[in-house]
């Protein structure tokens, strides 16, 4: 599968699905039953998933920060408007 196709498939998974997949990988690695090559492959998949999950969390945090900034801006605007109406 090409890298672009892998990214498309990964982006179609929900955050929860990726967390579950990462949890499964961690369980496999902690089980100490994998051969070295399998462990490396699982570890690589886990690192990719973790990077994607962190990226999603960062984007969500940015969105929340933006929305909170808009709320604060609106509150400030109302205070200014109220002050202007009183004058």
PDB file of N, CA and C in Angstrom:
ATOM      1  N   UNK A   1       0.846  -1.174   0.000  1.00  0.00           N
ATOM      2  CA  UNK A   1       0.000   0.000   0.000  1.00  0.00           C
ATOM      3  C   UNK A   1       0.894   1.240   0.000  1.00  0.00           C
ATOM      4  N   UNK A   2       0.591   2.202  -0.835  1.00  0.00           N
ATOM      5  CA  UNK A   2       1.379   3.431  -0.932  1.00  0.00           C
ATOM      6  C   UNK A   2       1.168   4.279   0.311  1.00  0.00           C
ATOM      7  N   UNK A   3       2.141   5.171   0.577  1.00  0.00           N
ATOM      8  CA  UNK A   3       2.047   6.023   1.766  1.00  0.00           C
ATOM      9  C   UNK A   3       0.774   6.855   1.770  1.00  0.00           C
ATOM     10  N   UNK A   4       0.396   7.407   0.598  1.00  0.00           N
ATOM     11  CA  UNK A   4      -0.825   8.221   0.532  1.00  0.00           C
ATOM     12  C   UNK A   4      -2.059   7.404   0.865  1.00  0.00           C
ATOM     13  N   UNK A   5      -2.082   6.155   0.411  1.00  0.00           N
ATOM     14  CA  UNK A   5      -3.219   5.289   0.703  1.00  0.00           C
ATOM     15  C   UNK A   5      -3.265   4.961   2.187  1.00  0.00           C
ATOM     16  N   UNK A   6      -2.100   4.734   2.802  1.00  0.00           N
ATOM     17  CA  UNK A   6      -2.046   4.442   4.229  1.00  0.00           C
ATOM     18  C   UNK A   6      -2.566   5.634   5.025  1.00  0.00           C
ATOM     19  N   UNK A   7      -2.177   6.846   4.628  1.00  0.00           N
ATOM     20  CA  UNK A   7      -2.623   8.044   5.325  1.00  0.00           C
ATOM     21  C   UNK A   7      -4.133   8.199   5.204  1.00  0.00           C
ATOM     22  N   UNK A   8      -4.666   7.901   4.012  1.00  0.00           N
ATOM     23  CA  UNK A   8      -6.104   8.020   3.799  1.00  0.00           C
ATOM     24  C   UNK A   8      -6.858   7.035   4.692  1.00  0.00           C
ATOM     25  N   UNK A   9      -6.379   5.796   4.752  1.00  0.00           N
ATOM     26  CA  UNK A   9      -7.019   4.785   5.586  1.00  0.00           C
ATOM     27  C   UNK A   9      -6.912   5.190   7.049  1.00  0.00           C
ATOM     28  N   UNK A  10      -5.740   5.675   7.471  1.00  0.00           N
ATOM     29  CA  UNK A  10      -5.549   6.084   8.869  1.00  0.00           C
ATOM     30  C   UNK A  10      -6.466   7.240   9.224  1.00  0.00           C
ATOM     31  N   UNK A  11      -6.660   8.181   8.302  1.00  0.00           N
ATOM     32  CA  UNK A  11      -7.493   9.338   8.600  1.00  0.00           C
ATOM     33  C   UNK A  11      -8.972   8.966   8.695  1.00  0.00           C
ATOM     34  N   UNK A  12      -9.348   7.820   8.148  1.00  0.00           N
ATOM     35  CA  UNK A  12     -10.735   7.389   8.208  1.00  0.00           C
ATOM     36  C   UNK A  12     -11.063   6.710   9.539  1.00  0.00           C
ATOM     37  N   UNK A  13     -10.042   6.328  10.289  1.00  0.00           N
ATOM     38  CA  UNK A  13     -10.266   5.704  11.588  1.00  0.00           C
ATOM     39  C   UNK A  13     -10.588   6.787  12.610  1.00  0.00           C
ATOM     40  N   UNK A  14     -11.428   6.437  13.551  1.00  0.00           N
ATOM     41  CA  UNK A  14     -11.747   7.389  14.615  1.00  0.00           C
ATOM     42  C   UNK A  14     -10.598   7.411  15.623  1.00  0.00           C
ATOM     43  N   UNK A  15     -10.608   8.439  16.434  1.00  0.00           N
ATOM     44  CA  UNK A  15      -9.598   8.555  17.487  1.00  0.00           C
ATOM     45  C   UNK A  15      -9.669   7.328  18.393  1.00  0.00           C
ATOM     46  N   UNK A  16     -10.884   6.945  18.747  1.00  0.00           N
ATOM     47  CA  UNK A  16     -11.076   5.784  19.637  1.00  0.00           C
ATOM     48  C   UNK A  16     -10.546   4.497  18.993  1.00  0.00           C
ATOM     49  N   UNK A  17     -10.782   4.336  17.698  1.00  0.00           N
ATOM     50  CA  UNK A  17     -10.285   3.143  17.008  1.00  0.00           C
ATOM     51  C   UNK A  17      -8.761   3.099  17.033  1.00  0.00           C
ATOM     52  N   UNK A  18      -8.134   4.240  16.811  1.00  0.00           N
ATOM     53  CA  UNK A  18      -6.678   4.275  16.829  1.00  0.00           C
ATOM     54  C   UNK A  18      -6.138   4.030  18.239  1.00  0.00           C
ATOM     55  N   UNK A  19      -6.830   4.554  19.253  1.00  0.00           N
ATOM     56  CA  UNK A  19      -6.413   4.297  20.636  1.00  0.00           C
ATOM     57  C   UNK A  19      -6.504   2.806  20.954  1.00  0.00           C
ATOM     58  N   UNK A  20      -7.577   2.167  20.500  1.00  0.00           N
ATOM     59  CA  UNK A  20      -7.757   0.733  20.719  1.00  0.00           C
ATOM     60  C   UNK A  20      -6.660  -0.049  20.010  1.00  0.00           C
ATOM     61  N   UNK A  21      -6.342   0.355  18.790  1.00  0.00           N
ATOM     62  CA  UNK A  21      -5.281  -0.310  18.036  1.00  0.00           C
ATOM     63  C   UNK A  21      -3.939  -0.151  18.745  1.00  0.00           C
ATOM     64  N   UNK A  22      -3.657   1.049  19.234  1.00  0.00           N
ATOM     65  CA  UNK A  22      -2.410   1.293  19.955  1.00  0.00           C
ATOM     66  C   UNK A  22      -2.360   0.457  21.230  1.00  0.00           C
ATOM     67  N   UNK A  23      -3.474   0.373  21.929  1.00  0.00           N
ATOM     68  CA  UNK A  23      -3.540  -0.436  23.146  1.00  0.00           C
ATOM     69  C   UNK A  23      -3.231  -1.901  22.841  1.00  0.00           C
ATOM     70  N   UNK A  24      -3.755  -2.399  21.720  1.00  0.00           N
ATOM     71  CA  UNK A  24      -3.478  -3.780  21.313  1.00  0.00           C
ATOM     72  C   UNK A  24      -2.007  -4.004  21.020  1.00  0.00           C
ATOM     73  N   UNK A  25      -1.389  -3.016  20.374  1.00  0.00           N
ATOM     74  CA  UNK A  25       0.036  -3.117  20.062  1.00  0.00           C
ATOM     75  C   UNK A  25       0.855  -3.141  21.347  1.00  0.00           C
ATOM     76  N   UNK A  26       0.510  -2.258  22.276  1.00  0.00           N
ATOM     77  CA  UNK A  26       1.219  -2.215  23.560  1.00  0.00           C
ATOM     78  C   UNK A  26       1.079  -3.553  24.284  1.00  0.00           C
ATOM     79  N   UNK A  27      -0.114  -4.125  24.275  1.00  0.00           N
ATOM     80  CA  UNK A  27      -0.335  -5.421  24.932  1.00  0.00           C
ATOM     81  C   UNK A  27       0.522  -6.511  24.306  1.00  0.00           C
ATOM     82  N   UNK A  28       0.598  -6.509  22.985  1.00  0.00           N
ATOM     83  CA  UNK A  28       1.438  -7.498  22.292  1.00  0.00           C
ATOM     84  C   UNK A  28       2.896  -7.342  22.700  1.00  0.00           C
ATOM     85  N   UNK A  29       3.359  -6.092  22.721  1.00  0.00           N
ATOM     86  CA  UNK A  29       4.759  -5.852  23.062  1.00  0.00           C
ATOM     87  C   UNK A  29       5.048  -6.220  24.517  1.00  0.00           C
ATOM     88  N   UNK A  30       4.117  -5.956  25.402  1.00  0.00           N
ATOM     89  CA  UNK A  30       4.307  -6.277  26.814  1.00  0.00           C
ATOM     90  C   UNK A  30       4.230  -7.780  27.068  1.00  0.00           C
ATOM     91  N   UNK A  31       3.596  -8.514  26.154  1.00  0.00           N
ATOM     92  CA  UNK A  31       3.454  -9.951  26.314  1.00  0.00           C
ATOM     93  C   UNK A  31       4.752 -10.723  26.131  1.00  0.00           C
ATOM     94  N   UNK A  32       5.746 -10.098  25.561  1.00  0.00           N
ATOM     95  CA  UNK A  32       7.059 -10.722  25.336  1.00  0.00           C
ATOM     96  C   UNK A  32       6.983 -12.040  24.575  1.00  0.00           C
ATOM     97  N   UNK A  33       5.978 -12.209  23.726  1.00  0.00           N
ATOM     98  CA  UNK A  33       5.836 -13.451  22.978  1.00  0.00           C
ATOM     99  C   UNK A  33       6.207 -13.287  21.501  1.00  0.00           C
ATOM    100  N   UNK A  34       6.544 -12.068  21.099  1.00  0.00           N
ATOM    101  CA  UNK A  34       6.849 -11.802  19.698  1.00  0.00           C
ATOM    102  C   UNK A  34       8.336 -12.013  19.407  1.00  0.00           C
ATOM    103  N   UNK A  35       8.595 -12.389  18.190  1.00  0.00           N
ATOM    104  CA  UNK A  35       9.986 -12.451  17.731  1.00  0.00           C
ATOM    105  C   UNK A  35      10.496 -11.018  17.547  1.00  0.00           C
ATOM    106  N   UNK A  36      11.787 -10.869  17.462  1.00  0.00           N
ATOM    107  CA  UNK A  36      12.393  -9.544  17.356  1.00  0.00           C
ATOM    108  C   UNK A  36      11.826  -8.759  16.184  1.00  0.00           C
ATOM    109  N   UNK A  37      11.721  -9.383  15.029  1.00  0.00           N
ATOM    110  CA  UNK A  37      11.235  -8.707  13.838  1.00  0.00           C
ATOM    111  C   UNK A  37       9.790  -8.250  14.016  1.00  0.00           C
ATOM    112  N   UNK A  38       8.970  -9.111  14.610  1.00  0.00           N
ATOM    113  CA  UNK A  38       7.575  -8.756  14.862  1.00  0.00           C
ATOM    114  C   UNK A  38       7.486  -7.608  15.868  1.00  0.00           C
ATOM    115  N   UNK A  39       8.334  -7.656  16.872  1.00  0.00           N
ATOM    116  CA  UNK A  39       8.357  -6.585  17.873  1.00  0.00           C
ATOM    117  C   UNK A  39       8.701  -5.250  17.230  1.00  0.00           C
ATOM    118  N   UNK A  40       9.690  -5.257  16.345  1.00  0.00           N
ATOM    119  CA  UNK A  40      10.087  -4.020  15.675  1.00  0.00           C
ATOM    120  C   UNK A  40       8.970  -3.484  14.792  1.00  0.00           C
ATOM    121  N   UNK A  41       8.297  -4.385  14.094  1.00  0.00           N
ATOM    122  CA  UNK A  41       7.175  -3.972  13.240  1.00  0.00           C
ATOM    123  C   UNK A  41       6.053  -3.379  14.091  1.00  0.00           C
ATOM    124  N   UNK A  42       5.709  -4.040  15.180  1.00  0.00           N
ATOM    125  CA  UNK A  42       4.664  -3.525  16.077  1.00  0.00           C
ATOM    126  C   UNK A  42       5.078  -2.189  16.672  1.00  0.00           C
ATOM    127  N   UNK A  43       6.320  -2.079  17.077  1.00  0.00           N
ATOM    128  CA  UNK A  43       6.804  -0.840  17.673  1.00  0.00           C
ATOM    129  C   UNK A  43       6.702   0.304  16.664  1.00  0.00           C
ATOM    130  N   UNK A  44       7.093   0.030  15.422  1.00  0.00           N
ATOM    131  CA  UNK A  44       7.008   1.041  14.365  1.00  0.00           C
ATOM    132  C   UNK A  44       5.556   1.475  14.144  1.00  0.00           C
ATOM    133  N   UNK A  45       4.644   0.515  14.101  1.00  0.00           N
ATOM    134  CA  UNK A  45       3.222   0.841  13.942  1.00  0.00           C
ATOM    135  C   UNK A  45       2.732   1.676  15.124  1.00  0.00           C
ATOM    136  N   UNK A  46       3.171   1.325  16.315  1.00  0.00           N
ATOM    137  CA  UNK A  46       2.780   2.063  17.509  1.00  0.00           C
ATOM    138  C   UNK A  46       3.268   3.497  17.485  1.00  0.00           C
ATOM    139  N   UNK A  47       4.492   3.695  17.035  1.00  0.00           N
ATOM    140  CA  UNK A  47       5.052   5.045  16.947  1.00  0.00           C
ATOM    141  C   UNK A  47       4.255   5.883  15.956  1.00  0.00           C
ATOM    142  N   UNK A  48       3.893   5.284  14.816  1.00  0.00           N
ATOM    143  CA  UNK A  48       3.094   6.008  13.824  1.00  0.00           C
ATOM    144  C   UNK A  48       1.723   6.378  14.393  1.00  0.00           C
ATOM    145  N   UNK A  49       1.088   5.422  15.057  1.00  0.00           N
ATOM    146  CA  UNK A  49      -0.225   5.688  15.656  1.00  0.00           C
ATOM    147  C   UNK A  49      -0.131   6.775  16.723  1.00  0.00           C
ATOM    148  N   UNK A  50       0.882   6.688  17.557  1.00  0.00           N
ATOM    149  CA  UNK A  50       1.052   7.676  18.613  1.00  0.00           C
ATOM    150  C   UNK A  50       1.239   9.071  18.023  1.00  0.00           C
ATOM    151  N   UNK A  51       2.017   9.163  16.952  1.00  0.00           N
ATOM    152  CA  UNK A  51       2.206  10.456  16.280  1.00  0.00           C
ATOM    153  C   UNK A  51       0.905  10.999  15.738  1.00  0.00           C
ATOM    154  N   UNK A  52       0.097  10.129  15.144  1.00  0.00           N
ATOM    155  CA  UNK A  52      -1.197  10.555  14.605  1.00  0.00           C
ATOM    156  C   UNK A  52      -2.135  10.999  15.720  1.00  0.00           C
ATOM    157  N   UNK A  53      -2.163  10.248  16.800  1.00  0.00           N
ATOM    158  CA  UNK A  53      -3.025  10.598  17.927  1.00  0.00           C
ATOM    159  C   UNK A  53      -2.621  11.923  18.548  1.00  0.00           C
ATOM    160  N   UNK A  54      -1.328  12.131  18.708  1.00  0.00           N
ATOM    161  CA  UNK A  54      -0.847  13.408  19.256  1.00  0.00           C
ATOM    162  C   UNK A  54      -1.219  14.564  18.339  1.00  0.00           C
ATOM    163  N   UNK A  55      -1.095  14.335  17.034  1.00  0.00           N
ATOM    164  CA  UNK A  55      -1.449  15.365  16.065  1.00  0.00           C
ATOM    165  C   UNK A  55      -2.932  15.712  16.168  1.00  0.00           C
ATOM    166  N   UNK A  56      -3.762  14.692  16.287  1.00  0.00           N
ATOM    167  CA  UNK A  56      -5.207  14.923  16.427  1.00  0.00           C
ATOM    168  C   UNK A  56      -5.510  15.705  17.706  1.00  0.00           C
ATOM    169  N   UNK A  57      -4.830  15.342  18.795  1.00  0.00           N
ATOM    170  CA  UNK A  57      -5.040  16.048  20.058  1.00  0.00           C
ATOM    171  C   UNK A  57      -4.595  17.504  19.947  1.00  0.00           C
ATOM    172  N   UNK A  58      -3.458  17.732  19.289  1.00  0.00           N
ATOM    173  CA  UNK A  58      -2.972  19.106  19.099  1.00  0.00           C
ATOM    174  C   UNK A  58      -3.971  19.933  18.300  1.00  0.00           C
ATOM    175  N   UNK A  59      -4.513  19.343  17.225  1.00  0.00           N
ATOM    176  CA  UNK A  59      -5.500  20.050  16.407  1.00  0.00           C
ATOM    177  C   UNK A  59      -6.763  20.345  17.205  1.00  0.00           C
ATOM    178  N   UNK A  60      -7.186  19.382  18.000  1.00  0.00           N
ATOM    179  CA  UNK A  60      -8.379  19.593  18.829  1.00  0.00           C
ATOM    180  C   UNK A  60      -8.117  20.702  19.847  1.00  0.00           C
ATOM    181  N   UNK A  61      -6.929  20.713  20.447  1.00  0.00           N
ATOM    182  CA  UNK A  61      -6.592  21.748  21.416  1.00  0.00           C
ATOM    183  C   UNK A  61      -6.570  23.126  20.763  1.00  0.00           C
ATOM    184  N   UNK A  62      -6.014  23.203  19.550  1.00  0.00           N
ATOM    185  CA  UNK A  62      -5.992  24.476  18.826  1.00  0.00           C
ATOM    186  C   UNK A  62      -7.411  24.962  18.552  1.00  0.00           C
ATOM    187  N   UNK A  63      -8.279  24.043  18.184  1.00  0.00           N
ATOM    188  CA  UNK A  63      -9.667  24.411  17.905  1.00  0.00           C
ATOM    189  C   UNK A  63     -10.351  24.924  19.170  1.00  0.00           C
ATOM    190  N   UNK A  64     -10.130  24.232  20.285  1.00  0.00           N
ATOM    191  CA  UNK A  64     -10.713  24.669  21.559  1.00  0.00           C
ATOM    192  C   UNK A  64     -10.168  26.043  21.936  1.00  0.00           C
ATOM    193  N   UNK A  65      -8.852  26.234  21.776  1.00  0.00           N
ATOM    194  CA  UNK A  65      -8.246  27.536  22.087  1.00  0.00           C
ATOM    195  C   UNK A  65      -8.855  28.639  21.227  1.00  0.00           C
ATOM    196  N   UNK A  66      -9.058  28.346  19.945  1.00  0.00           N
ATOM    197  CA  UNK A  66      -9.656  29.324  19.038  1.00  0.00           C
ATOM    198  C   UNK A  66     -11.078  29.659  19.475  1.00  0.00           C
ATOM    199  N   UNK A  67     -11.856  28.634  19.793  1.00  0.00           N
ATOM    200  CA  UNK A  67     -13.231  28.859  20.230  1.00  0.00           C
ATOM    201  C   UNK A  67     -13.278  29.627  21.548  1.00  0.00           C
ATOM    202  N   UNK A  68     -12.393  29.298  22.460  1.00  0.00           N
ATOM    203  CA  UNK A  68     -12.341  30.022  23.738  1.00  0.00           C
ATOM    204  C   UNK A  68     -11.939  31.469  23.508  1.00  0.00           C
ATOM    205  N   UNK A  69     -11.024  31.692  22.576  1.00  0.00           N
ATOM    206  CA  UNK A  69     -10.624  33.053  22.241  1.00  0.00           C
ATOM    207  C   UNK A  69     -11.780  33.851  21.682  1.00  0.00           C
ATOM    208  N   UNK A  70     -12.609  33.206  20.868  1.00  0.00           N
ATOM    209  CA  UNK A  70     -13.787  33.876  20.319  1.00  0.00           C
ATOM    210  C   UNK A  70     -14.778  34.218  21.425  1.00  0.00           C
ATOM    211  N   UNK A  71     -14.939  33.315  22.385  1.00  0.00           N
ATOM    212  CA  UNK A  71     -15.838  33.589  23.508  1.00  0.00           C
ATOM    213  C   UNK A  71     -15.328  34.767  24.332  1.00  0.00           C
ATOM    214  N   UNK A  72     -14.024  34.766  24.602  1.00  0.00           N
ATOM    215  CA  UNK A  72     -13.438  35.854  25.378  1.00  0.00           C
ATOM    216  C   UNK A  72     -13.541  37.169  24.622  1.00  0.00           C
ATOM    217  N   UNK A  73     -13.355  37.099  23.313  1.00  0.00           N
ATOM    218  CA  UNK A  73     -13.452  38.294  22.484  1.00  0.00           C
ATOM    219  C   UNK A  73     -14.870  38.852  22.536  1.00  0.00           C
ATOM    220  N   UNK A  74     -15.844  37.964  22.430  1.00  0.00           N
ATOM    221  CA  UNK A  74     -17.244  38.389  22.484  1.00  0.00           C
ATOM    222  C   UNK A  74     -17.577  39.000  23.840  1.00  0.00           C
ATOM    223  N   UNK A  75     -17.076  38.412  24.912  1.00  0.00           N
ATOM    224  CA  UNK A  75     -17.303  38.973  26.247  1.00  0.00           C
ATOM    225  C   UNK A  75     -16.703  40.364  26.343  1.00  0.00           C
ATOM    226  N   UNK A  76     -15.516  40.547  25.834  1.00  0.00           N
ATOM    227  CA  UNK A  76     -14.844  41.844  25.871  1.00  0.00           C
ATOM    228  C   UNK A  76     -15.613  42.854  25.033  1.00  0.00           C
ATOM    229  N   UNK A  77     -16.078  42.436  23.855  1.00  0.00           N
ATOM    230  CA  UNK A  77     -16.849  43.326  22.994  1.00  0.00           C
ATOM    231  C   UNK A  77     -18.126  43.788  23.684  1.00  0.00           C
ATOM    232  N   UNK A  78     -18.815  42.883  24.383  1.00  0.00           N
ATOM    233  CA  UNK A  78     -20.042  43.244  25.074  1.00  0.00           C
ATOM    234  C   UNK A  78     -19.759  44.254  26.179  1.00  0.00           C
ATOM    235  N   UNK A  79     -18.641  44.056  26.880  1.00  0.00           N
ATOM    236  CA  UNK A  79     -18.276  44.989  27.949  1.00  0.00           C
ATOM    237  C   UNK A  79     -18.022  46.373  27.357  1.00  0.00           C
ATOM    238  N   UNK A  80     -17.306  46.419  26.221  1.00  0.00           N
ATOM    239  CA  UNK A  80     -17.016  47.696  25.581  1.00  0.00           C
ATOM    240  C   UNK A  80     -18.307  48.338  25.096  1.00  0.00           C
ATOM    241  N   UNK A  81     -19.175  47.532  24.471  1.00  0.00           N
ATOM    242  CA  UNK A  81     -20.446  48.053  23.977  1.00  0.00           C
ATOM    243  C   UNK A  81     -21.288  48.611  25.128  1.00  0.00           C
ATOM    244  N   UNK A  82     -21.348  47.901  26.234  1.00  0.00           N
ATOM    245  CA  UNK A  82     -22.118  48.325  27.388  1.00  0.00           C
ATOM    246  C   UNK A  82     -21.580  49.654  27.916  1.00  0.00           C
ATOM    247  N   UNK A  83     -20.276  49.750  27.986  1.00  0.00           N
ATOM    248  CA  UNK A  83     -19.636  50.982  28.477  1.00  0.00           C
ATOM    249  C   UNK A  83     -19.965  52.126  27.540  1.00  0.00           C
ATOM    250  N   UNK A  84     -19.941  51.865  26.234  1.00  0.00           N
ATOM    251  CA  UNK A  84     -20.219  52.915  25.265  1.00  0.00           C
ATOM    252  C   UNK A  84     -21.672  53.362  25.366  1.00  0.00           C
ATOM    253  N   UNK A  85     -22.594  52.434  25.613  1.00  0.00           N
ATOM    254  CA  UNK A  85     -24.001  52.798  25.723  1.00  0.00           C
ATOM    255  C   UNK A  85     -24.282  53.614  26.982  1.00  0.00           C
ATOM    256  N   UNK A  86     -23.525  53.408  28.037  1.00  0.00           N
ATOM    257  CA  UNK A  86     -23.732  54.131  29.281  1.00  0.00           C
ATOM    258  C   UNK A  86     -23.257  55.573  29.168  1.00  0.00           C
ATOM    259  N   UNK A  87     -22.283  55.807  28.306  1.00  0.00           N
ATOM    260  CA  UNK A  87     -21.692  57.141  28.226  1.00  0.00           C
ATOM    261  C   UNK A  87     -22.575  58.160  27.594  1.00  0.00           C
TER     262      UNK A  87
END
